[in-house]
Each structure stands twice: as structure tokens, then as C-alpha cells.
Protein backbone atom coordinates (compact mmCIF):
# COMPACT_ATOMS: atom_id res chain seq x y z
CA UNK A 1 129.24 78.23 92.32
CA UNK A 2 129.68 80.44 95.44
CA UNK A 3 128.26 83.97 95.06
CA UNK A 4 131.66 85.70 95.19
CA UNK A 5 133.10 83.34 92.58
CA UNK A 6 130.03 83.82 90.38
CA UNK A 7 130.31 87.61 90.42
CA UNK A 8 134.03 87.42 89.59
CA UNK A 9 133.14 85.22 86.62
CA UNK A 10 130.27 87.52 85.61
CA UNK A 11 132.53 90.56 85.56
CA UNK A 12 135.16 88.77 83.46
CA UNK A 13 133.14 86.61 81.06
CA UNK A 14 129.42 87.24 81.57
CA UNK A 15 126.97 88.23 78.83
CA UNK A 16 125.03 91.42 79.47
CA UNK A 17 122.25 92.52 77.12
CA UNK A 18 120.75 96.02 77.19
CA UNK A 19 117.37 96.38 75.45
CA UNK A 20 116.95 100.06 74.66
CA UNK A 21 119.68 101.99 72.86
CA UNK A 22 118.63 105.03 74.85
CA UNK A 23 120.04 107.55 77.30
CA UNK A 24 119.57 105.04 80.15
CA UNK A 25 120.93 102.17 78.08
CA UNK A 26 124.06 104.05 77.04
CA UNK A 27 124.86 105.40 80.52
CA UNK A 28 124.38 101.92 81.98
CA UNK A 29 126.77 100.42 79.42
CA UNK A 30 129.38 103.07 80.17
CA UNK A 31 129.03 102.43 83.91
CA UNK A 32 129.45 98.69 83.41
CA UNK A 33 132.74 99.20 81.59
CA UNK A 34 133.90 101.86 84.08
CA UNK A 35 133.31 99.43 86.96
CA UNK A 36 135.38 96.68 85.41
CA UNK A 37 132.96 94.56 83.38
CA UNK A 38 134.98 92.90 80.60
CA UNK A 39 132.44 90.38 79.30
CA UNK A 40 130.28 90.67 76.18
CA UNK A 41 127.88 93.61 75.93
CA UNK A 42 125.03 93.74 73.42
CA UNK A 43 122.95 96.88 72.80
CA UNK A 44 119.53 96.36 71.16
CA UNK A 45 117.51 99.28 69.77
CA UNK A 46 114.43 99.47 67.57
CA UNK A 47 115.62 102.70 65.92
CA UNK A 48 118.51 102.64 63.42
CA UNK A 49 120.42 105.33 65.31
CA UNK A 50 123.06 105.45 68.02
CA UNK A 51 121.65 106.80 71.33
CA UNK A 52 120.57 110.43 71.00
CA UNK A 53 119.19 113.18 73.21
CA UNK A 54 115.42 113.68 73.14
CA UNK A 55 114.80 117.01 75.00
CA UNK A 56 116.20 119.14 72.12
CA UNK A 57 113.60 117.67 69.75
CA UNK A 58 110.81 119.83 71.22
CA UNK A 59 113.06 122.80 71.87
CA UNK A 60 116.17 123.65 69.79
CA UNK A 61 115.33 121.34 66.86
CA UNK A 62 111.89 122.85 66.25
CA UNK A 63 113.41 126.32 66.42
CA UNK A 64 116.00 125.38 63.82
CA UNK A 65 118.83 125.93 66.31
CA UNK A 66 119.90 122.29 66.20
CA UNK A 67 119.74 119.60 63.55
CA UNK A 68 117.82 116.41 64.46
CA UNK A 69 120.71 114.30 63.16
CA UNK A 70 123.18 116.12 65.42
CA UNK A 71 121.61 115.19 68.74
CA UNK A 72 123.71 112.09 69.47
CA UNK A 73 124.59 111.75 73.13
CA UNK A 74 128.19 112.48 74.07
CA UNK A 75 130.16 109.39 75.05
CA UNK A 76 131.82 109.20 78.42
CA UNK A 77 133.98 106.25 77.37
CA UNK A 78 134.28 103.51 74.76
CA UNK A 79 131.89 100.67 75.61
CA UNK A 80 133.09 97.96 73.18
CA UNK A 81 129.59 96.67 72.48
CA UNK A 82 127.82 94.70 69.77
CA UNK A 83 125.11 96.99 68.41
CA UNK A 84 121.82 95.52 67.13
CA UNK A 85 120.13 98.67 65.86
CA UNK A 86 116.95 98.95 63.82
CA UNK A 87 115.62 95.65 65.16
CA UNK A 88 113.07 95.58 67.96
CA UNK A 89 112.92 93.14 70.86
CA UNK A 90 109.69 91.14 70.51
CA UNK A 91 109.81 88.75 73.44
CA UNK A 92 111.62 87.56 76.54
CA UNK A 93 112.24 83.98 77.68
CA UNK A 94 112.95 84.36 81.39
CA UNK A 95 113.68 80.70 82.01
CA UNK A 96 115.96 80.35 79.00
CA UNK A 97 117.51 83.81 79.51
CA UNK A 98 116.99 84.88 75.91
CA UNK A 99 115.72 88.04 74.22
CA UNK A 100 113.75 87.42 71.01
CA UNK A 101 114.17 89.89 68.17
CA UNK A 102 111.92 90.96 65.31
CA UNK A 103 114.28 89.41 62.76
CA UNK A 104 113.85 85.97 64.34
CA UNK A 105 117.17 85.96 66.14
CA UNK A 106 117.58 85.27 69.86
CA UNK A 107 120.22 86.84 72.10
CA UNK A 108 121.26 84.96 75.27
CA UNK A 109 122.18 86.81 78.46
CA UNK A 110 123.42 86.32 82.00
CA UNK A 111 122.18 89.75 83.04
CA UNK A 112 119.53 91.82 81.22
CA UNK A 113 118.79 95.54 81.49
CA UNK A 114 115.42 96.75 80.22
CA UNK A 115 115.65 100.42 79.19
CA UNK A 116 112.99 100.58 76.47
CA UNK A 117 111.55 103.93 77.60
CA UNK A 118 108.28 105.28 76.25
CA UNK A 119 106.68 106.12 72.92
CA UNK A 120 104.32 108.92 72.01
CA UNK A 121 100.66 108.08 72.50
CA UNK A 122 99.12 108.21 69.01
CA UNK A 123 95.80 109.70 67.97
CA UNK A 124 93.34 106.89 68.86
CA UNK A 125 91.37 106.97 65.60
CA UNK A 126 93.74 105.12 63.30
CA UNK A 127 92.29 106.35 60.02
CA UNK A 128 92.56 109.96 61.16
CA UNK A 129 96.05 109.38 62.59
CA UNK A 130 97.19 108.36 59.08
CA UNK A 131 96.18 111.69 57.50
CA UNK A 132 99.05 113.61 55.94
CA UNK A 133 100.03 116.36 58.38
CA UNK A 134 99.13 114.51 61.62
CA UNK A 135 102.32 114.19 63.71
CA UNK A 136 103.62 113.08 67.09
CA UNK A 137 106.96 114.08 68.64
CA UNK A 138 109.12 111.55 70.43
CA UNK A 139 111.77 110.13 68.10
CA UNK A 140 114.44 111.68 65.93
CA UNK A 141 112.41 110.83 62.83
CA UNK A 142 109.39 112.55 64.39
CA UNK A 143 111.54 115.64 64.96
CA UNK A 144 112.69 115.66 61.32
CA UNK A 145 109.12 115.39 60.02
CA UNK A 146 107.71 118.09 62.28
CA UNK A 147 110.63 120.44 61.63
CA UNK A 148 110.02 120.15 57.88
CA UNK A 149 106.32 120.86 58.38
CA UNK A 150 107.04 124.03 60.32
CA UNK A 151 109.60 125.19 57.76
CA UNK A 152 106.94 124.83 55.04
CA UNK A 153 105.07 127.82 56.54
CA UNK A 154 101.79 126.16 57.55
CA UNK A 155 98.69 128.35 57.81
CA UNK A 156 98.02 127.05 61.31
CA UNK A 157 99.37 124.33 63.61
CA UNK A 158 96.86 122.57 65.84
CA UNK A 159 98.27 120.98 69.03
CA UNK A 160 96.23 118.40 70.93
CA UNK A 161 97.26 118.46 74.58
CA UNK A 162 98.84 121.23 76.67
CA UNK A 163 101.30 119.22 78.72
CA UNK A 164 105.00 120.06 78.63
CA UNK A 165 105.59 118.75 75.11
CA UNK A 166 102.46 120.39 73.68
CA UNK A 167 103.33 123.69 75.35
CA UNK A 168 106.92 123.60 74.06
CA UNK A 169 105.68 122.92 70.54
CA UNK A 170 103.25 125.84 70.79
CA UNK A 171 106.08 128.05 72.04
CA UNK A 172 108.33 127.01 69.13
CA UNK A 173 105.53 127.85 66.67
CA UNK A 174 104.99 131.31 68.10
CA UNK A 175 108.75 132.00 68.11
CA UNK A 176 108.63 131.43 64.36
CA UNK A 177 105.50 133.51 63.83
CA UNK A 178 103.32 130.48 63.08
CA UNK A 179 99.65 130.65 64.09
CA UNK A 180 98.89 127.90 66.61
CA UNK A 181 95.80 126.59 68.37
CA UNK A 182 96.14 124.38 71.46
CA UNK A 183 93.25 122.22 72.66
CA UNK A 184 93.34 120.89 76.23
CA UNK A 185 90.58 118.90 77.95
CA UNK A 186 91.58 120.27 81.39
CA UNK A 187 90.97 123.84 82.51
CA UNK A 188 94.54 125.00 81.80
CA UNK A 189 97.93 123.84 80.50
CA UNK A 190 100.24 121.75 82.71
CA UNK A 191 97.53 120.93 85.27
CA UNK A 192 98.31 117.21 85.26
CA UNK A 193 101.93 117.93 86.17
CA UNK A 194 101.73 121.10 88.28
CA UNK A 195 98.08 121.65 89.28
CA UNK A 196 95.52 124.34 88.60
CA UNK A 197 97.22 127.20 90.47
CA UNK A 198 100.28 126.97 88.24
CA UNK A 199 98.14 126.02 85.25
CA UNK A 200 96.42 129.40 85.40
CA UNK A 201 99.81 131.11 85.05
CA UNK A 202 100.69 128.82 82.13
CA UNK A 203 97.39 129.73 80.44
CA UNK A 204 98.24 133.42 80.65
CA UNK A 205 101.66 132.68 79.16
CA UNK A 206 100.06 130.95 76.18
CA UNK A 207 97.52 133.66 75.50
CA UNK A 208 99.90 136.58 76.04
CA UNK A 209 102.17 135.02 73.43
CA UNK A 210 99.43 134.79 70.85
CA UNK A 211 98.38 131.15 71.26
CA UNK A 212 94.73 130.40 70.54
CA UNK A 213 94.24 128.31 73.70
CA UNK A 214 91.05 126.26 73.97
CA UNK A 215 90.57 124.66 77.40
CA UNK A 216 87.86 122.40 78.77
CA UNK A 217 87.31 120.88 75.32
CA UNK A 218 88.09 117.60 73.61
CA UNK A 219 88.96 116.98 70.00
CA UNK A 220 86.19 114.82 68.59
CA UNK A 221 87.68 114.24 65.17
CA UNK A 222 90.22 115.20 62.53
CA UNK A 223 89.00 115.88 59.01
CA UNK A 224 90.95 115.23 55.83
CA UNK A 225 90.56 116.55 52.31
CA UNK A 226 90.00 114.53 49.14
CA UNK A 227 93.68 113.55 48.85
CA UNK A 228 94.19 112.53 52.49
CA UNK A 229 95.68 115.71 53.95
CA UNK A 230 94.42 116.97 57.29
CA UNK A 231 92.36 120.13 56.88
CA UNK A 232 90.43 120.69 60.13
CA UNK A 233 89.94 119.63 63.75
CA UNK A 234 86.46 119.29 65.27
CA UNK A 235 86.00 120.13 68.98
CA UNK A 236 83.46 119.01 71.55
CA UNK A 237 82.03 122.54 71.85
CA UNK A 238 80.99 122.37 68.20
CA UNK A 239 83.78 124.58 66.87
CA UNK A 240 85.95 123.68 63.90
CA UNK A 241 89.57 124.81 63.49
CA UNK A 242 91.08 124.79 60.02
CA UNK A 243 94.67 123.55 60.08
CA UNK A 244 97.22 121.83 57.88
CA UNK A 245 99.45 120.45 60.67
CA UNK A 246 98.17 118.61 63.75
CA UNK A 247 100.54 117.58 66.53
CA UNK A 248 99.20 114.94 68.91
CA UNK A 249 100.78 115.62 72.33
CA UNK A 250 98.78 113.30 74.57
CA UNK A 251 101.62 111.96 76.65
CA UNK A 252 103.49 108.70 76.43
CA UNK A 253 102.97 104.94 76.55
CA UNK A 254 105.62 102.76 78.17
CA UNK A 255 107.28 100.28 75.85
CA UNK A 256 106.36 97.04 77.57
CA UNK A 257 104.28 95.31 74.88
CA UNK A 258 107.22 93.07 73.96
CA UNK A 259 107.20 91.65 77.51
CA UNK A 260 103.63 90.29 77.30
CA UNK A 261 103.61 86.68 78.46
CA UNK A 262 107.18 86.87 79.75
CA UNK A 263 106.21 86.52 83.40
CA UNK A 264 107.62 89.92 84.38
CA UNK A 265 105.53 92.44 86.30
CA UNK A 266 105.16 94.63 83.23
CA UNK A 267 102.18 96.56 81.93
CA UNK A 268 101.00 99.99 80.74
CA UNK A 269 102.49 101.67 83.81
CA UNK A 270 105.95 100.19 83.22
CA UNK A 271 108.09 97.37 84.58
CA UNK A 272 107.96 97.05 88.37
CA UNK A 273 111.32 96.87 90.13
CA UNK A 274 112.75 97.27 93.61
CA UNK A 275 114.86 100.20 94.76
CA UNK A 276 117.92 98.33 93.51
CA UNK A 277 116.43 98.22 89.98
CA UNK A 278 115.77 94.45 90.01
CA UNK A 279 112.60 93.57 88.12
CA UNK A 280 109.65 91.87 89.80
CA UNK A 281 107.89 88.97 88.19
CA UNK A 282 104.09 89.10 87.92
CA UNK A 283 103.74 87.41 91.33
CA UNK A 284 105.72 90.16 93.05
CA UNK A 285 108.87 88.06 93.45
CA UNK A 286 112.07 89.91 92.66
CA UNK A 287 114.34 88.53 89.96
CA UNK A 288 118.11 88.59 90.23
CA UNK A 289 119.17 88.70 86.59
CA UNK A 290 116.74 91.24 85.06
CA UNK A 291 117.12 94.94 85.86
CA UNK A 292 115.17 98.03 84.77
CA UNK A 293 116.12 101.70 84.31
CA UNK A 294 114.74 104.92 82.86
CA UNK A 295 111.24 105.94 81.83
CA UNK A 296 109.99 102.35 81.62
CA UNK A 297 110.81 101.57 85.27
CA UNK A 298 108.36 101.67 88.22
CA UNK A 299 110.13 101.67 91.56
CA UNK A 300 109.23 102.45 95.20
CA UNK A 301 110.66 105.56 96.82
CA UNK A 302 110.84 106.01 100.63
CA UNK A 303 110.63 109.82 100.38
CA UNK A 304 107.24 109.49 98.73
CA UNK A 305 105.50 106.93 100.91
CA UNK A 306 107.05 103.94 99.10
CA UNK A 307 104.72 104.63 96.22
CA UNK A 308 105.82 103.11 92.93
CA UNK A 309 106.99 106.03 90.78
CA UNK A 310 107.38 106.13 87.02
CA UNK A 311 109.57 109.08 86.11
CA UNK A 312 109.88 110.60 82.63
CA UNK A 313 112.95 112.60 83.59
CA UNK A 314 116.34 112.92 81.88
CA UNK A 315 118.32 113.06 85.11
CA UNK A 316 116.47 110.13 86.61
CA UNK A 317 117.27 107.98 83.58
CA UNK A 318 120.99 108.67 84.06
CA UNK A 319 121.02 108.14 87.83
CA UNK A 320 118.91 104.98 87.71
CA UNK A 321 120.97 103.51 84.88
CA UNK A 322 124.17 103.99 86.87
CA UNK A 323 122.66 102.27 89.92
CA UNK A 324 121.26 99.41 87.82
CA UNK A 325 124.62 98.85 86.10
CA UNK A 326 126.50 98.81 89.40
CA UNK A 327 124.04 96.37 90.95
CA UNK A 328 124.03 94.04 87.94
CA UNK A 329 127.66 93.07 88.52
CA UNK A 330 127.80 93.41 92.32
CA UNK A 331 127.14 91.02 95.18
CA UNK A 332 124.03 91.80 97.22
CA UNK A 333 126.08 93.30 100.06
CA UNK A 334 127.61 95.84 97.64
CA UNK A 335 124.40 96.93 95.92
CA UNK A 336 122.91 100.35 96.45
CA UNK A 337 119.42 101.86 96.14
CA UNK A 338 118.21 104.37 93.58
CA UNK A 339 116.88 107.27 95.67
CA UNK A 340 117.18 110.19 93.26
CA UNK A 341 114.83 113.13 93.90
CA UNK A 342 112.78 113.69 90.72
CA UNK A 343 113.63 116.87 88.81
CA UNK A 344 112.23 118.23 85.59
CA UNK A 345 112.71 121.33 83.44
CA UNK A 346 111.05 122.98 80.48
CA UNK A 347 111.57 126.14 78.46
CA UNK A 348 108.51 127.78 76.92
CA UNK A 349 107.59 131.32 75.86
CA UNK A 350 110.91 132.59 77.20
CA UNK A 351 110.31 131.21 80.71
CA UNK A 352 112.40 128.52 82.41
CA UNK A 353 110.15 126.10 84.34
CA UNK A 354 111.69 123.59 86.70
CA UNK A 355 110.36 121.28 89.39
CA UNK A 356 111.79 118.97 92.06
CA UNK A 357 109.97 116.28 93.99
CA UNK A 358 106.56 114.95 93.03
CA UNK A 359 104.19 117.92 92.56
CA UNK A 360 101.26 115.68 91.64
CA UNK A 361 101.30 114.23 95.18
CA UNK A 362 100.76 117.72 96.61
CA UNK A 363 97.37 118.67 97.98
CA UNK A 364 98.31 122.29 98.77
CA UNK A 365 100.69 124.91 97.40
CA UNK A 366 102.33 128.06 98.79
CA UNK A 367 104.03 130.73 96.71
CA UNK A 368 107.13 131.22 98.81
CA UNK A 369 109.23 133.52 96.62
CA UNK A 370 108.30 136.00 93.94
CA UNK A 371 104.85 136.54 92.52
CA UNK A 372 102.43 134.66 90.30
CA UNK A 373 101.45 137.94 88.66
CA UNK A 374 105.06 138.58 87.62
CA UNK A 375 105.52 134.93 86.50
CA UNK A 376 108.72 134.78 88.49
CA UNK A 377 108.20 132.69 91.59
CA UNK A 378 108.68 129.47 93.56
CA UNK A 379 105.70 127.39 94.58
CA UNK A 380 106.09 124.73 97.30
CA UNK A 381 103.73 121.75 97.49
CA UNK A 382 102.64 120.10 100.71
CA UNK A 383 101.33 116.62 101.42
CA UNK A 384 100.25 115.35 104.85
CA UNK A 385 102.12 118.11 106.67
CA UNK A 386 105.45 117.98 104.85
CA UNK A 387 107.16 119.47 101.80
CA UNK A 388 106.75 117.11 98.87
CA UNK A 389 107.78 119.22 95.84
CA UNK A 390 108.57 122.68 94.50
CA UNK A 391 108.25 124.40 91.13
CA UNK A 392 109.97 127.53 89.87
CA UNK A 393 109.28 129.97 87.03
CA UNK A 394 112.53 131.83 86.25
CA UNK A 395 113.70 131.27 89.86
CA UNK A 396 115.80 128.11 89.55
CA UNK A 397 118.36 129.15 92.16
CA UNK A 398 115.92 128.35 94.97
CA UNK A 399 115.26 124.75 93.99
CA UNK A 400 118.41 123.25 95.49
CA UNK A 401 117.27 124.59 98.87
CA UNK A 402 113.82 123.03 98.49
CA UNK A 403 115.30 119.75 97.30
CA UNK A 404 117.05 119.52 100.67
CA UNK A 405 113.74 120.27 102.42
CA UNK A 406 112.07 117.43 100.51
CA UNK A 407 114.89 115.03 101.42
CA UNK A 408 114.61 115.79 105.13
CA UNK A 409 110.80 115.79 105.22
CA UNK A 410 110.56 119.45 106.25
CA UNK A 411 107.17 120.53 107.63
CA UNK A 412 104.51 122.19 105.51
CA UNK A 413 103.31 124.99 105.56
CA UNK A 414 106.83 126.39 105.41
CA UNK A 415 107.94 129.01 107.91
CA UNK A 416 111.06 130.75 106.56
CA UNK A 417 112.06 134.43 106.79
CA UNK A 418 112.40 134.39 103.00
CA UNK A 419 108.74 133.46 102.48
CA UNK A 420 106.82 136.03 100.45
CA UNK A 421 104.49 137.92 102.80
CA UNK A 422 102.22 139.25 100.09
CA UNK A 423 98.64 137.91 100.31
CA UNK A 424 99.20 135.13 97.76
CA UNK A 425 102.15 133.75 99.76
CA UNK A 426 100.79 133.91 103.29
CA UNK A 427 98.90 130.65 103.44
CA UNK A 428 98.55 127.44 101.49
CA UNK A 429 95.80 127.04 98.93
CA UNK A 430 94.57 123.85 97.23
CA UNK A 431 97.02 122.80 94.49
CA UNK A 432 94.01 121.91 92.31
CA UNK A 433 95.10 118.79 90.48
CA UNK A 434 92.54 117.11 88.23
CA UNK A 435 90.85 113.86 89.18
CA UNK A 436 93.57 111.24 88.52
CA UNK A 437 90.96 108.79 87.24
CA UNK A 438 90.29 111.03 84.22
CA UNK A 439 92.51 110.44 81.17
CA UNK A 440 94.91 113.30 80.50
CA UNK A 441 98.39 113.92 79.15
CA UNK A 442 99.32 113.51 82.79
CA UNK A 443 102.20 114.37 85.08
CA UNK A 444 105.85 113.67 84.36
CA UNK A 445 105.84 111.58 87.55
CA UNK A 446 103.20 108.86 87.71
CA UNK A 447 102.18 107.42 91.05
CA UNK A 448 101.30 103.81 90.49
CA UNK A 449 101.30 102.25 93.93
CA UNK A 450 98.37 100.16 95.09
CA UNK A 451 97.14 99.28 98.54
CA UNK A 452 98.33 95.78 99.53
CA UNK A 453 94.67 95.01 100.27
CA UNK A 454 93.71 95.80 96.68
CA UNK A 455 94.02 92.38 95.05
CA UNK A 456 94.09 92.97 91.33
CA UNK A 457 95.83 89.82 90.12
CA UNK A 458 94.40 86.33 90.02
CA UNK A 459 96.85 83.54 89.18
CA UNK A 460 95.38 80.43 87.62
CA UNK A 461 97.92 77.61 87.24
CA UNK A 462 98.04 76.01 83.79
CA UNK A 463 96.39 72.62 83.57
CA UNK A 464 98.38 69.85 81.89
């Protein structure tokens, strides 16, 4: 069948399956219908809920300003889909074009979108992770459980990890007058995402708001009482913190386990795809009927040295899903690349934190507006002589300007009349990111590109 004829048929009668009833999955489905797809559409999700919004779970929900069961995503249009909710995908047959489900069923497809996102990384000691009072925060059910714990007036909440989620949880606790201890193996909060210069400001924010912040320490164990409730956390410096709620905020794991053995280029870092969202197989050959979008995707970006980026960003999930959906039902000449500039925001301790670009690529930082001491500023990151990212604390209005600088590869250090001429803003200083080889809660953008000379895969043909 000629390509043009095939795509006409695909739009009219094709079978598209979306694995991941998520933000990316929903927006992709809406885009498919908006662009004229009239074939069958199947949405598969391991949770029993319609797609919902996750950012409020660590913000408004914990503060009691929003109900966890009222976070469903608004619908842009009716998608006329078959919903398979509460049943996980367990395997993929690439040759047979079938998705295997946990209930034993198989769903055939002509085009597949993988939008399975990430899950919270659990506490690694399984017996301790099962103690009553040990929580994670990623899903709606997680939000319900943690909200109930906080409403029960715990004596102290103990948060493991001072990334964005851990910091937002600590902020929500302090807003409600709950005593909270945060343990972070790095020297300050947010260092994996924003570096040590900004981390030092974040540390002051925690402490000035009454958080018992412990940095440079690891949690060596969680202790339970005689009936299986958590009662204390043991730290590597020998200290013990009594607590009745522990929140494990150690970052996320990409949901790719179900793709093991499928032949796709999928692993702990995500599913590799090209800039048009087409998945690679494990040999590096691009597929034409499997696409990827959202947090689970790894794709190259020309603005950032063609490094493969994994982005845990709300806006990226939407933009990438729209590109993937368009490309799934379009001829190659009509496809477009996903070139969205990463952007991320957080609200903690009354401060709005937002970043654009890839801060973790930056080797240097300049404070170009405002002041670190006042916690109202913009910091610009440089990498190999150009602007690579920017972060703002209560100064969001500047970020659109710096996004344009990132897009055009503006030189670094910056030389604008608006640049702060106080001593801290006059010259770049090291951004002070931790050694990326050390495990941490990590950045919200993960660089996962390898040198082409770094041969990490050996293919051994099966013997018959």
C-alpha cells in the first residue's frame, strides 16, 4: 500500500493504543481526534482513575486546599476511547503489534504511544518500607494516604530527600504547624536540580521556616515498634530522630519494566526516541509504529548538544504528546520535531521557584537580577560559553527573556544593562553541582547521552 494511501486508511480505520492514562496520554488522545483520527482508540492505565493532575498532590492537596479525588484533568474535547483502567501493561510484542495486559488479555495496534511516566522510588529496604507510616508521594492514592497522616496531627514528619517533592512536603508540613525533619545526603536542598549556589539559599529557606534540616547525612535505617508502626529514623552521623510519619522522596523510576525483552531501547533512564517521538529499538534503529511521550521518554535536543534528555516536566509532557500524536498519523514529510525548552516550577515556603533550560548542564552561574540575600533573584547558568538555563526565585517575569537567550545560544557570561552590578552579580561563579555519578534524588532534567565511542551494548544472536 502506498504511503499516502496507508496514512489515509490509518486516519480512518487504524487502531491506536495509548499505554499510560496520564497527562501525556490524554493530551495525545485529544490531539489525535482534533487532527481527524476516526479509528479505534484504546487507553490503558494501571490506576483505576481517569487521567488526573499530579502537581497539586504535593502542594494544594497536602495543604487541604484541594481534594485528591478532585484533581482530574480538564478535557479539551471528547476522545471517544475504550478505557482499560486498573489493569497494567505487562509486555509488548513488537512483531505481532500487541500489548499484553496483566489480566491476560492482548490489545492489537497499528500505532502505539508509550506514556507510562514514572513512579516514586521506594525505600530500598523492603521490610522497613512496609512499616505503617512510611509513605511515598506520586499517585492519587499516595496523596490520600499522606493527607490523612498529616490531618492526624503527627508528632513529627521525617522526609528523606530534599529535592523538589521533599521540599514541597516539608513546606506543607510547616504551613500546618507540623514539626518536620528533612534528611539530605547532599550539602543542601535542590542541589541535584539547581546546584550548590542555589541550594544554599534553599537551605536558608528551610531553616528560617522551622525545618530541622540535616544535610550531608544518609538514612541508615527505619525502626518500627512492636506492632509494625514506624517510630524512628537512624542517620549515618549516629543520630536518631523519633517520628511517626516518614515520607520517602528519593526521586522517580521510569516505568519501563513492562518493556523488558520487547526489543525496544528501554531501560531505567526511559525509552529512547528521536526528536519526532519515534521509539528506537535496542540496536538504535528507529521504529515507525511505536511512539513515546512524557516523563518516560528520552529524546535528543539540538539546543543541548543533542544529548538525550529525560524531562519530568508538566509542560513538556503536554508539548511532546501533541507532537507524538501529530506524527503518529502523518506522513514523514508532514512530521515535526519536539523542541520544547524545558521549564519547571515549584512553590515552597511562600516562594515561587521556576527554571527554564537545563540547569544541571551549567558549569557556572551568574545572579543577573535581584539578590540571593533577599531570596528574590534570577540566576543564569552558562555552559561552554553560552546561556544554557536560568532559575528565578519570586522573579518569574524575567524567564521569558532568558528562554529566548537559551533558544538563540546567547553568549555567557551575559552582558546586559539590567545585570545586577552588586558583587555577587558581577562575575560567574561555579554552579556547584554534585558529582553525577553519586546517587541522589537528582535533577528534573536527566542527561542520558553517551559518547558514540562508548560501546555499552553487545548483541549476541540467538542460536537455533
